[in-house]
Amino acid sequence: MRCRSRNFLAALAACIICGLLLWNHRWGERAWSPAQTLAAENPFKWYRGNLHTHTLWSDGDDYPEMVALWYKDHGYDFLSFSDHNTLLKTERWIDVVKSRGGQRAFDKLKARHPDDWIEQRTSEKGFQEVRLKTFDEIVARIANPGRFLLIQGEEISDSFEQAPVHLNATNLQELIPPMGGDSLHEVMQRNTDALVAQRERTGRPMIIHLNHPNFQYGITAEDLARVRGENFFEVYNGHTQVNNDGDDIHASAERIWDIILTQRIAMLHMPLMWGLATDDGHNYHDIPSRNHEPGRGWIVVLARALTAAEIIKSMDRGWFYASTGVTVDRFAVSRHGIEVRVHPQQGTEFTIDFIGTQTGFDPDSEPVHGDLTGAPLRTTRRYSNDIGRVLKSYTGTRAVYEFGTNDLYVRARVTSTKQHPNPSAPGEYERAWCQPVRGPAGWRIR
């Protein structure tokens, strides 16, 4: 009996340890497993969607039902409305002519919805007004269970001093007002804490992500890296004024990503940061143009079903990739390495880069100084090229990277020879970003 009891306790302990290794509930990060393959295999499917878009509820120029139809008509599987500091829940009337979309947007609305869908009235001053439809009304008319999903979100638009701090909250139940703070980091942390509190109180799956870090160059890698509970950011944003690629004195969004990943693994002992691509659409007429339009960047999520809960569950695990045109068919991770397979396109070539940081990297950094005064600028610091360097590069639709014992993390980026048909900045090529994976050294530190 004593031997059986010992065996039982040993087996129980092993099960507990395995469970902890397979899933870290505190942070929601998928831990190391012998094999993890992201591919469309029953019951999992790839679902394409956008988590950042605006309508006439804030500073977009089209009606929310028309925005939803644009994405539905263009083959998207899900869309989140993320208007500034508002949810599509209250009664709101707008002036037809003076609205951002004006008479043109209203005429397009009537052409697409010729029945009694539209509610109009004449204001006390004699102006024609129309009621904006709520989220629930739009879902009932546009969404299609299992085929097209609409998610309620909010762009929490806050600031610190002159720096904009915008975070998207996805699948909200209640509005989160800007929380403010006494530093850039505190503003991000307090808004993140508000979402975490709502998620825990309601039991509703939710995520929060940092928008366009280089918008007015307001966010630094050092501050974002330390925000606990915030594990997503936009490595690509389709707005034309968000400076994805940085400049001579400001780090690109990708460079910020690698600095954050290195610091979180090697110094902060925090979860990985996942990278998103979004539209941040505001303008829905005369496409394509040089405005802030839909269709430039998206995520593709591997999920069990097309529901908000399943999409968020998969995103929390990093089961998605970001894209501006490249399709990834398979992303497989084993103890030995990473395999990437890209969907081929006739007449198009692909470069698959494996990017990461290894142990022994130079951790030192220096501030960036302004040209005129020579004073340090409030921007991401300069680091060694040891951080986020290209470890291997391949040409083709399939590439395999074998882990080295010193790899802290590795991520894959695919670049096409096909130019983006409607880029946010001149000269963009279609790309995809797979989510980072801890390497052997990264798991030793953890």
Protein backbone atom coordinates (compact mmCIF):
# COMPACT_ATOMS: atom_id res chain seq x y z
CA MET A 1 0.00 0.00 0.00
CA ARG A 2 2.83 2.40 0.88
CA CYS A 3 4.49 1.77 -2.49
CA ARG A 4 1.22 2.43 -4.33
CA SER A 5 0.73 5.65 -2.36
CA ARG A 6 4.20 6.85 -3.31
CA ASN A 7 3.57 6.00 -6.94
CA PHE A 8 0.27 7.85 -6.88
CA LEU A 9 1.86 10.96 -5.32
CA ALA A 10 4.70 10.88 -7.82
CA ALA A 11 2.25 10.61 -10.72
CA LEU A 12 0.16 13.43 -9.30
CA ALA A 13 3.20 15.66 -8.96
CA ALA A 14 4.23 14.89 -12.53
CA CYS A 15 0.76 15.83 -13.80
CA ILE A 16 0.86 19.12 -11.92
CA ILE A 17 4.29 19.99 -13.28
CA CYS A 18 3.25 19.11 -16.83
CA GLY A 19 0.15 21.23 -16.49
CA LEU A 20 2.18 24.21 -15.35
CA LEU A 21 4.59 23.77 -18.24
CA LEU A 22 1.81 23.56 -20.81
CA TRP A 23 -0.09 26.64 -19.72
CA ASN A 24 0.76 29.66 -17.62
CA HIS A 25 -2.62 30.95 -16.44
CA ARG A 26 -1.27 34.06 -14.81
CA TRP A 27 0.08 35.57 -18.00
CA GLY A 28 -1.77 33.67 -20.71
CA GLU A 29 1.42 32.72 -22.56
CA ARG A 30 1.73 29.31 -24.17
CA ALA A 31 4.68 27.54 -22.60
CA TRP A 32 7.13 25.10 -24.12
CA SER A 33 5.68 21.89 -25.55
CA PRO A 34 7.35 19.19 -27.65
CA ALA A 35 5.39 20.22 -30.76
CA GLN A 36 3.06 23.03 -31.70
CA THR A 37 1.75 23.35 -35.24
CA LEU A 38 -0.35 26.23 -36.47
CA ALA A 39 -2.16 25.01 -39.57
CA ALA A 40 -5.77 24.63 -40.70
CA GLU A 41 -6.55 21.16 -39.35
CA ASN A 42 -10.01 20.16 -38.11
CA PRO A 43 -11.48 21.65 -35.96
CA PHE A 44 -9.10 24.65 -36.23
CA LYS A 45 -9.35 27.18 -39.05
CA TRP A 46 -7.61 30.40 -40.01
CA TYR A 47 -9.76 33.51 -39.50
CA ARG A 48 -8.79 36.89 -40.95
CA GLY A 49 -9.76 40.04 -39.10
CA ASN A 50 -9.04 43.63 -38.12
CA LEU A 51 -9.09 44.95 -34.55
CA HIS A 52 -8.67 48.68 -35.21
CA THR A 53 -11.19 50.71 -37.19
CA HIS A 54 -13.19 53.93 -36.83
CA THR A 55 -16.66 55.05 -37.84
CA LEU A 56 -18.87 58.12 -37.55
CA TRP A 57 -19.19 57.28 -33.86
CA SER A 58 -15.82 59.07 -33.54
CA ASP A 59 -13.52 60.31 -36.33
CA GLY A 60 -14.27 57.89 -39.18
CA ASP A 61 -16.11 59.13 -42.27
CA ASP A 62 -18.66 56.34 -42.78
CA TYR A 63 -21.57 54.73 -40.97
CA PRO A 64 -20.65 51.69 -38.85
CA GLU A 65 -22.91 49.32 -40.79
CA MET A 66 -21.22 50.43 -44.03
CA VAL A 67 -17.78 49.90 -42.51
CA ALA A 68 -18.83 46.41 -41.41
CA LEU A 69 -20.09 45.65 -44.91
CA TRP A 70 -16.79 46.78 -46.45
CA TYR A 71 -14.93 44.15 -44.44
CA LYS A 72 -17.57 41.50 -44.99
CA ASP A 73 -17.58 42.14 -48.75
CA HIS A 74 -13.77 41.91 -48.87
CA GLY A 75 -13.54 38.46 -47.35
CA TYR A 76 -12.77 39.23 -43.72
CA ASP A 77 -14.05 36.90 -41.03
CA PHE A 78 -14.19 39.34 -38.12
CA LEU A 79 -14.00 43.04 -37.30
CA SER A 80 -13.80 45.02 -34.09
CA PHE A 81 -15.18 48.56 -33.90
CA SER A 82 -12.70 50.69 -31.92
CA ASP A 83 -13.95 54.26 -31.88
CA HIS A 84 -12.22 56.75 -29.61
CA ASN A 85 -13.41 56.66 -25.99
CA THR A 86 -16.86 55.40 -26.89
CA LEU A 87 -18.90 52.23 -27.28
CA LEU A 88 -21.67 51.93 -29.85
CA LYS A 89 -24.34 51.69 -27.14
CA THR A 90 -26.03 55.06 -26.60
CA GLU A 91 -28.53 57.04 -28.67
CA ARG A 92 -26.66 59.40 -30.99
CA TRP A 93 -27.91 61.60 -33.81
CA ILE A 94 -25.62 63.38 -36.28
CA ASP A 95 -26.08 66.07 -38.88
CA VAL A 96 -26.18 64.42 -42.32
CA VAL A 97 -24.34 67.21 -44.14
CA LYS A 98 -21.92 68.33 -41.44
CA SER A 99 -20.78 64.85 -40.49
CA ARG A 100 -17.35 63.68 -41.64
CA GLY A 101 -18.91 61.61 -44.40
CA GLY A 102 -21.34 64.32 -45.44
CA GLN A 103 -24.12 63.88 -47.96
CA ARG A 104 -22.03 61.45 -49.98
CA ALA A 105 -21.78 58.90 -47.17
CA PHE A 106 -25.49 59.25 -46.44
CA ASP A 107 -26.40 58.66 -50.09
CA LYS A 108 -24.29 55.50 -50.12
CA LEU A 109 -26.00 54.36 -46.93
CA LYS A 110 -29.44 54.81 -48.49
CA ALA A 111 -28.40 52.98 -51.65
CA ARG A 112 -27.21 49.97 -49.64
CA HIS A 113 -30.12 50.01 -47.17
CA PRO A 114 -33.23 51.09 -49.15
CA ASP A 115 -35.76 49.72 -46.63
CA ASP A 116 -36.83 51.25 -43.31
CA TRP A 117 -33.41 50.74 -41.70
CA ILE A 118 -32.50 54.45 -41.66
CA GLU A 119 -34.03 56.74 -39.01
CA GLN A 120 -34.15 60.45 -39.81
CA ARG A 121 -35.43 63.59 -38.15
CA THR A 122 -35.28 67.36 -38.57
CA SER A 123 -33.49 69.25 -35.81
CA GLU A 124 -34.88 72.36 -34.13
CA LYS A 125 -32.65 74.43 -36.42
CA GLY A 126 -34.02 72.71 -39.49
CA PHE A 127 -31.03 70.45 -40.20
CA GLN A 128 -31.47 66.88 -41.38
CA GLU A 129 -30.20 64.34 -38.82
CA VAL A 130 -29.76 60.57 -38.82
CA ARG A 131 -29.46 58.20 -35.88
CA LEU A 132 -26.29 56.14 -35.67
CA LYS A 133 -27.05 52.47 -35.22
CA THR A 134 -25.87 50.70 -32.08
CA PHE A 135 -23.57 47.70 -31.98
CA ASP A 136 -26.40 45.26 -31.22
CA GLU A 137 -28.48 46.57 -34.12
CA ILE A 138 -25.56 46.25 -36.53
CA VAL A 139 -24.78 42.72 -35.34
CA ALA A 140 -28.39 41.67 -35.92
CA ARG A 141 -28.30 43.00 -39.49
CA ILE A 142 -24.74 42.38 -40.70
CA ALA A 143 -23.12 39.60 -38.66
CA ASN A 144 -23.50 35.98 -39.64
CA PRO A 145 -22.76 33.29 -37.01
CA GLY A 146 -19.83 31.18 -38.06
CA ARG A 147 -19.13 33.34 -41.10
CA PHE A 148 -18.74 36.99 -40.09
CA LEU A 149 -18.16 38.17 -36.53
CA LEU A 150 -18.45 41.70 -35.12
CA ILE A 151 -16.72 42.57 -31.84
CA GLN A 152 -17.26 45.62 -29.65
CA GLY A 153 -14.06 47.48 -28.86
CA GLU A 154 -12.77 50.89 -27.86
CA GLU A 155 -9.68 52.92 -28.58
CA ILE A 156 -8.82 54.30 -25.17
CA SER A 157 -7.30 57.61 -26.22
CA ASP A 158 -5.16 59.01 -23.43
CA SER A 159 -1.96 61.05 -23.24
CA PHE A 160 0.97 62.04 -21.09
CA GLU A 161 2.12 65.61 -21.51
CA GLN A 162 2.24 65.96 -25.32
CA ALA A 163 2.56 62.24 -26.09
CA PRO A 164 -0.54 60.35 -27.29
CA VAL A 165 -1.13 57.02 -25.54
CA HIS A 166 -3.75 54.96 -27.39
CA LEU A 167 -4.70 51.41 -26.45
CA ASN A 168 -7.33 49.24 -28.08
CA ALA A 169 -9.58 47.23 -25.78
CA THR A 170 -11.29 44.34 -27.57
CA ASN A 171 -14.58 42.66 -26.60
CA LEU A 172 -15.46 45.16 -23.91
CA GLN A 173 -18.66 45.09 -21.92
CA GLU A 174 -18.28 48.52 -20.31
CA LEU A 175 -16.60 51.73 -21.45
CA ILE A 176 -13.12 52.42 -20.05
CA PRO A 177 -12.51 56.16 -19.71
CA PRO A 178 -8.90 57.38 -20.11
CA MET A 179 -7.25 56.73 -16.75
CA GLY A 180 -4.34 59.20 -16.99
CA GLY A 181 -1.15 58.97 -14.95
CA ASP A 182 2.02 60.74 -13.86
CA SER A 183 4.27 59.13 -16.46
CA LEU A 184 4.07 57.50 -19.86
CA HIS A 185 4.41 54.07 -18.27
CA GLU A 186 1.80 54.81 -15.63
CA VAL A 187 -0.76 55.90 -18.23
CA MET A 188 -0.35 52.61 -20.08
CA GLN A 189 -0.36 50.58 -16.87
CA ARG A 190 -3.47 52.22 -15.40
CA ASN A 191 -5.49 51.74 -18.58
CA THR A 192 -4.32 48.13 -18.79
CA ASP A 193 -5.26 47.58 -15.15
CA ALA A 194 -8.76 48.93 -15.87
CA LEU A 195 -9.27 46.35 -18.61
CA VAL A 196 -7.87 43.53 -16.48
CA ALA A 197 -10.23 44.54 -13.66
CA GLN A 198 -13.23 44.51 -16.00
CA ARG A 199 -12.20 41.15 -17.44
CA GLU A 200 -11.87 39.60 -14.00
CA ARG A 201 -15.11 41.14 -12.72
CA THR A 202 -17.25 40.11 -15.70
CA GLY A 203 -15.54 36.86 -16.69
CA ARG A 204 -15.66 38.07 -20.29
CA PRO A 205 -12.64 37.32 -22.53
CA MET A 206 -10.88 40.60 -23.38
CA ILE A 207 -7.50 41.80 -24.56
CA ILE A 208 -5.78 45.17 -24.72
CA HIS A 209 -3.09 46.23 -27.16
CA LEU A 210 -0.88 49.28 -27.62
CA ASN A 211 -1.61 51.15 -30.84
CA HIS A 212 0.88 52.69 -33.28
CA PRO A 213 3.88 53.19 -30.94
CA ASN A 214 5.47 55.70 -33.33
CA PHE A 215 2.44 57.97 -33.69
CA GLN A 216 4.04 61.34 -32.90
CA TYR A 217 6.82 59.13 -31.52
CA GLY A 218 4.99 59.05 -28.23
CA ILE A 219 5.86 55.56 -26.91
CA THR A 220 9.25 54.17 -25.93
CA ALA A 221 10.24 50.51 -25.91
CA GLU A 222 11.53 50.87 -22.35
CA ASP A 223 8.17 52.05 -20.99
CA LEU A 224 6.01 49.60 -22.96
CA ALA A 225 8.17 46.62 -22.01
CA ARG A 226 7.32 47.09 -18.31
CA VAL A 227 3.52 47.23 -18.66
CA ARG A 228 2.17 44.13 -16.95
CA GLY A 229 -0.94 42.56 -18.46
CA GLU A 230 -0.33 44.25 -21.84
CA ASN A 231 1.09 41.61 -24.18
CA PHE A 232 0.08 42.93 -27.62
CA PHE A 233 1.16 45.88 -29.77
CA GLU A 234 0.91 47.01 -33.38
CA VAL A 235 4.05 46.18 -35.32
CA TYR A 236 2.20 47.52 -38.37
CA ASN A 237 -0.56 50.14 -38.54
CA GLY A 238 -2.11 51.17 -41.87
CA HIS A 239 -2.56 54.84 -40.95
CA THR A 240 -0.34 57.08 -43.09
CA GLN A 241 0.97 59.17 -40.17
CA VAL A 242 2.15 56.59 -37.65
CA ASN A 243 5.79 56.16 -38.79
CA ASN A 244 5.99 52.36 -38.72
CA ASP A 245 9.52 52.44 -40.10
CA GLY A 246 10.83 55.15 -37.79
CA ASP A 247 13.60 57.46 -39.00
CA ASP A 248 17.24 58.31 -38.32
CA ILE A 249 16.63 59.07 -34.65
CA HIS A 250 13.52 56.98 -33.90
CA ALA A 251 13.42 53.19 -33.79
CA SER A 252 11.03 51.39 -36.12
CA ALA A 253 8.09 49.45 -34.69
CA GLU A 254 9.95 46.21 -35.44
CA ARG A 255 13.05 47.46 -33.65
CA ILE A 256 10.89 48.38 -30.65
CA TRP A 257 9.49 44.83 -30.72
CA ASP A 258 12.94 43.23 -30.53
CA ILE A 259 14.05 45.52 -27.70
CA ILE A 260 10.90 44.67 -25.74
CA LEU A 261 11.26 40.92 -26.33
CA THR A 262 14.90 40.98 -25.23
CA GLN A 263 14.19 42.98 -22.08
CA ARG A 264 11.14 40.94 -21.13
CA ILE A 265 13.02 37.66 -21.39
CA ALA A 266 16.48 38.57 -20.16
CA MET A 267 15.79 41.25 -17.54
CA LEU A 268 12.12 41.59 -16.65
CA HIS A 269 11.04 37.91 -16.66
CA MET A 270 7.75 38.80 -18.28
CA PRO A 271 5.65 37.23 -21.06
CA LEU A 272 6.44 37.67 -24.73
CA MET A 273 4.97 40.60 -26.63
CA TRP A 274 2.77 39.59 -29.59
CA GLY A 275 2.76 41.72 -32.76
CA LEU A 276 -0.40 42.82 -34.61
CA ALA A 277 -1.10 44.41 -37.98
CA THR A 278 -4.17 46.65 -38.20
CA ASP A 279 -5.83 49.14 -40.52
CA ASP A 280 -6.70 52.00 -38.19
CA GLY A 281 -9.16 52.91 -40.95
CA HIS A 282 -10.82 56.33 -40.95
CA ASN A 283 -11.61 56.95 -44.62
CA TYR A 284 -13.88 54.69 -46.71
CA HIS A 285 -14.39 56.66 -49.92
CA ASP A 286 -12.16 56.98 -53.02
CA ILE A 287 -10.15 53.86 -52.18
CA PRO A 288 -7.24 53.62 -52.93
CA SER A 289 -5.82 57.00 -52.03
CA ARG A 290 -3.30 58.37 -49.57
CA ASN A 291 -5.87 58.56 -46.79
CA HIS A 292 -6.26 56.30 -43.75
CA GLU A 293 -8.07 53.41 -45.39
CA PRO A 294 -9.14 49.81 -44.75
CA GLY A 295 -7.45 46.73 -46.19
CA ARG A 296 -3.81 47.49 -45.42
CA GLY A 297 -3.01 45.26 -42.45
CA TRP A 298 -4.73 42.44 -40.58
CA ILE A 299 -4.25 39.43 -38.36
CA VAL A 300 -5.00 35.79 -39.19
CA VAL A 301 -5.96 33.76 -36.12
CA LEU A 302 -6.02 29.98 -35.80
CA ALA A 303 -9.12 29.27 -33.72
CA ARG A 304 -11.53 26.48 -32.95
CA ALA A 305 -14.57 28.60 -33.86
CA LEU A 306 -15.44 32.08 -35.07
CA THR A 307 -16.47 33.57 -31.75
CA ALA A 308 -14.98 36.43 -29.76
CA ALA A 309 -14.06 34.05 -26.94
CA GLU A 310 -12.22 31.61 -29.22
CA ILE A 311 -10.45 34.37 -31.17
CA ILE A 312 -9.18 35.95 -27.95
CA LYS A 313 -8.20 32.58 -26.48
CA SER A 314 -6.04 31.85 -29.51
CA MET A 315 -4.53 35.32 -29.51
CA ASP A 316 -3.57 34.99 -25.86
CA ARG A 317 -1.61 31.88 -26.87
CA GLY A 318 0.08 33.61 -29.81
CA TRP A 319 -1.78 31.44 -32.34
CA PHE A 320 -1.91 34.06 -35.07
CA TYR A 321 0.22 36.02 -37.48
CA ALA A 322 0.13 39.58 -38.75
CA SER A 323 0.04 40.36 -42.46
CA THR A 324 -0.11 43.03 -45.12
CA GLY A 325 -0.65 40.53 -47.94
CA VAL A 326 1.42 37.39 -47.35
CA THR A 327 -0.44 34.19 -46.40
CA VAL A 328 1.24 31.74 -44.01
CA ASP A 329 -0.07 28.19 -44.38
CA ARG A 330 1.90 26.59 -41.56
CA PHE A 331 3.99 27.67 -38.60
CA ALA A 332 5.38 24.73 -36.64
CA VAL A 333 7.50 24.75 -33.49
CA SER A 334 9.32 21.77 -31.99
CA ARG A 335 12.12 21.35 -29.48
CA HIS A 336 14.50 21.48 -32.41
CA GLY A 337 13.34 24.57 -34.27
CA ILE A 338 10.76 26.43 -36.35
CA GLU A 339 9.25 25.67 -39.73
CA VAL A 340 7.46 28.29 -41.84
CA ARG A 341 5.46 27.55 -44.97
CA VAL A 342 4.14 30.39 -47.11
CA HIS A 343 1.27 30.11 -49.55
CA PRO A 344 2.83 30.44 -53.05
CA GLN A 345 1.82 33.18 -55.49
CA GLN A 346 2.65 32.97 -59.17
CA GLY A 347 5.43 35.33 -60.16
CA THR A 348 6.22 36.20 -56.53
CA GLU A 349 9.24 35.29 -54.42
CA PHE A 350 9.52 35.33 -50.64
CA THR A 351 12.35 35.99 -48.22
CA ILE A 352 11.91 34.33 -44.82
CA ASP A 353 14.06 35.91 -42.11
CA PHE A 354 14.50 34.38 -38.66
CA ILE A 355 15.20 37.20 -36.23
CA GLY A 356 16.19 37.00 -32.57
CA THR A 357 18.54 37.76 -29.72
CA GLN A 358 21.03 35.35 -28.18
CA THR A 359 22.73 35.15 -24.81
CA GLY A 360 25.90 37.19 -24.55
CA PHE A 361 24.28 40.18 -26.25
CA ASP A 362 25.51 43.64 -25.34
CA PRO A 363 22.84 45.07 -22.99
CA ASP A 364 24.19 48.62 -22.97
CA SER A 365 22.24 51.46 -24.56
CA GLU A 366 22.57 55.19 -24.97
CA PRO A 367 20.08 58.03 -25.29
CA VAL A 368 19.33 59.66 -28.63
CA HIS A 369 20.34 63.33 -28.75
CA GLY A 370 18.61 66.11 -30.64
CA ASP A 371 20.39 67.88 -33.48
CA LEU A 372 19.79 71.44 -32.26
CA THR A 373 20.28 71.43 -28.50
CA GLY A 374 22.12 68.16 -28.05
CA ALA A 375 19.77 67.27 -25.19
CA PRO A 376 18.57 63.66 -24.90
CA LEU A 377 15.28 63.04 -26.66
CA ARG A 378 12.39 61.19 -25.01
CA THR A 379 12.47 58.28 -27.42
CA THR A 380 13.58 54.65 -27.52
CA ARG A 381 17.26 54.36 -26.69
CA ARG A 382 19.92 53.02 -29.07
CA TYR A 383 21.04 49.44 -28.50
CA SER A 384 23.59 47.06 -29.93
CA ASN A 385 22.86 45.25 -33.17
CA ASP A 386 23.12 42.06 -31.08
CA ILE A 387 19.46 42.70 -30.24
CA GLY A 388 17.02 41.50 -32.88
CA ARG A 389 19.51 40.49 -35.53
CA VAL A 390 18.81 38.27 -38.54
CA LEU A 391 19.96 34.79 -37.51
CA LYS A 392 19.13 33.02 -40.77
CA SER A 393 17.58 34.06 -44.07
CA TYR A 394 16.04 31.91 -46.80
CA THR A 395 14.42 32.45 -50.18
CA GLY A 396 11.39 30.34 -51.05
CA THR A 397 8.04 29.28 -49.65
CA ARG A 398 9.44 26.99 -46.92
CA ALA A 399 12.16 27.57 -44.37
CA VAL A 400 13.40 25.76 -41.27
CA TYR A 401 15.38 27.27 -38.43
CA GLU A 402 17.22 25.02 -35.98
CA PHE A 403 17.44 26.41 -32.47
CA GLY A 404 20.84 27.18 -31.03
CA THR A 405 21.43 26.68 -27.33
CA ASN A 406 21.97 30.46 -26.93
CA ASP A 407 18.71 31.59 -28.54
CA LEU A 408 16.61 33.73 -26.20
CA TYR A 409 13.80 34.05 -28.74
CA VAL A 410 13.26 33.72 -32.47
CA ARG A 411 10.57 35.25 -34.68
CA ALA A 412 9.96 34.90 -38.41
CA ARG A 413 9.27 37.67 -40.90
CA VAL A 414 8.24 36.99 -44.50
CA THR A 415 8.78 39.65 -47.17
CA SER A 416 7.29 39.33 -50.64
CA THR A 417 8.64 40.75 -53.89
CA LYS A 418 5.10 42.01 -54.53
CA GLN A 419 4.50 45.64 -53.66
CA HIS A 420 1.58 46.50 -51.42
CA PRO A 421 -1.31 47.65 -53.66
CA ASN A 422 -2.35 50.42 -51.23
CA PRO A 423 0.53 51.06 -48.84
CA SER A 424 0.56 53.27 -45.78
CA ALA A 425 4.02 54.50 -46.82
CA PRO A 426 5.63 54.56 -50.29
CA GLY A 427 7.63 51.50 -51.31
CA GLU A 428 6.02 48.95 -48.98
CA TYR A 429 6.18 45.29 -49.94
CA GLU A 430 3.67 42.74 -48.71
CA ARG A 431 4.85 41.11 -45.50
CA ALA A 432 3.86 38.76 -42.68
CA TRP A 433 5.10 38.55 -39.10
CA CYS A 434 4.89 35.28 -37.18
CA GLN A 435 4.81 35.46 -33.41
CA PRO A 436 8.05 35.05 -31.42
CA VAL A 437 9.02 31.79 -29.77
CA ARG A 438 11.26 31.39 -26.75
CA GLY A 439 14.46 29.57 -27.59
CA PRO A 440 16.30 27.15 -25.30
CA ALA A 441 18.12 29.97 -23.49
CA GLY A 442 14.85 31.86 -23.05
CA TRP A 443 13.29 28.89 -21.30
CA ARG A 444 16.30 28.46 -19.04
CA ILE A 445 15.91 32.07 -17.84
CA ARG A 446 12.17 31.64 -17.33
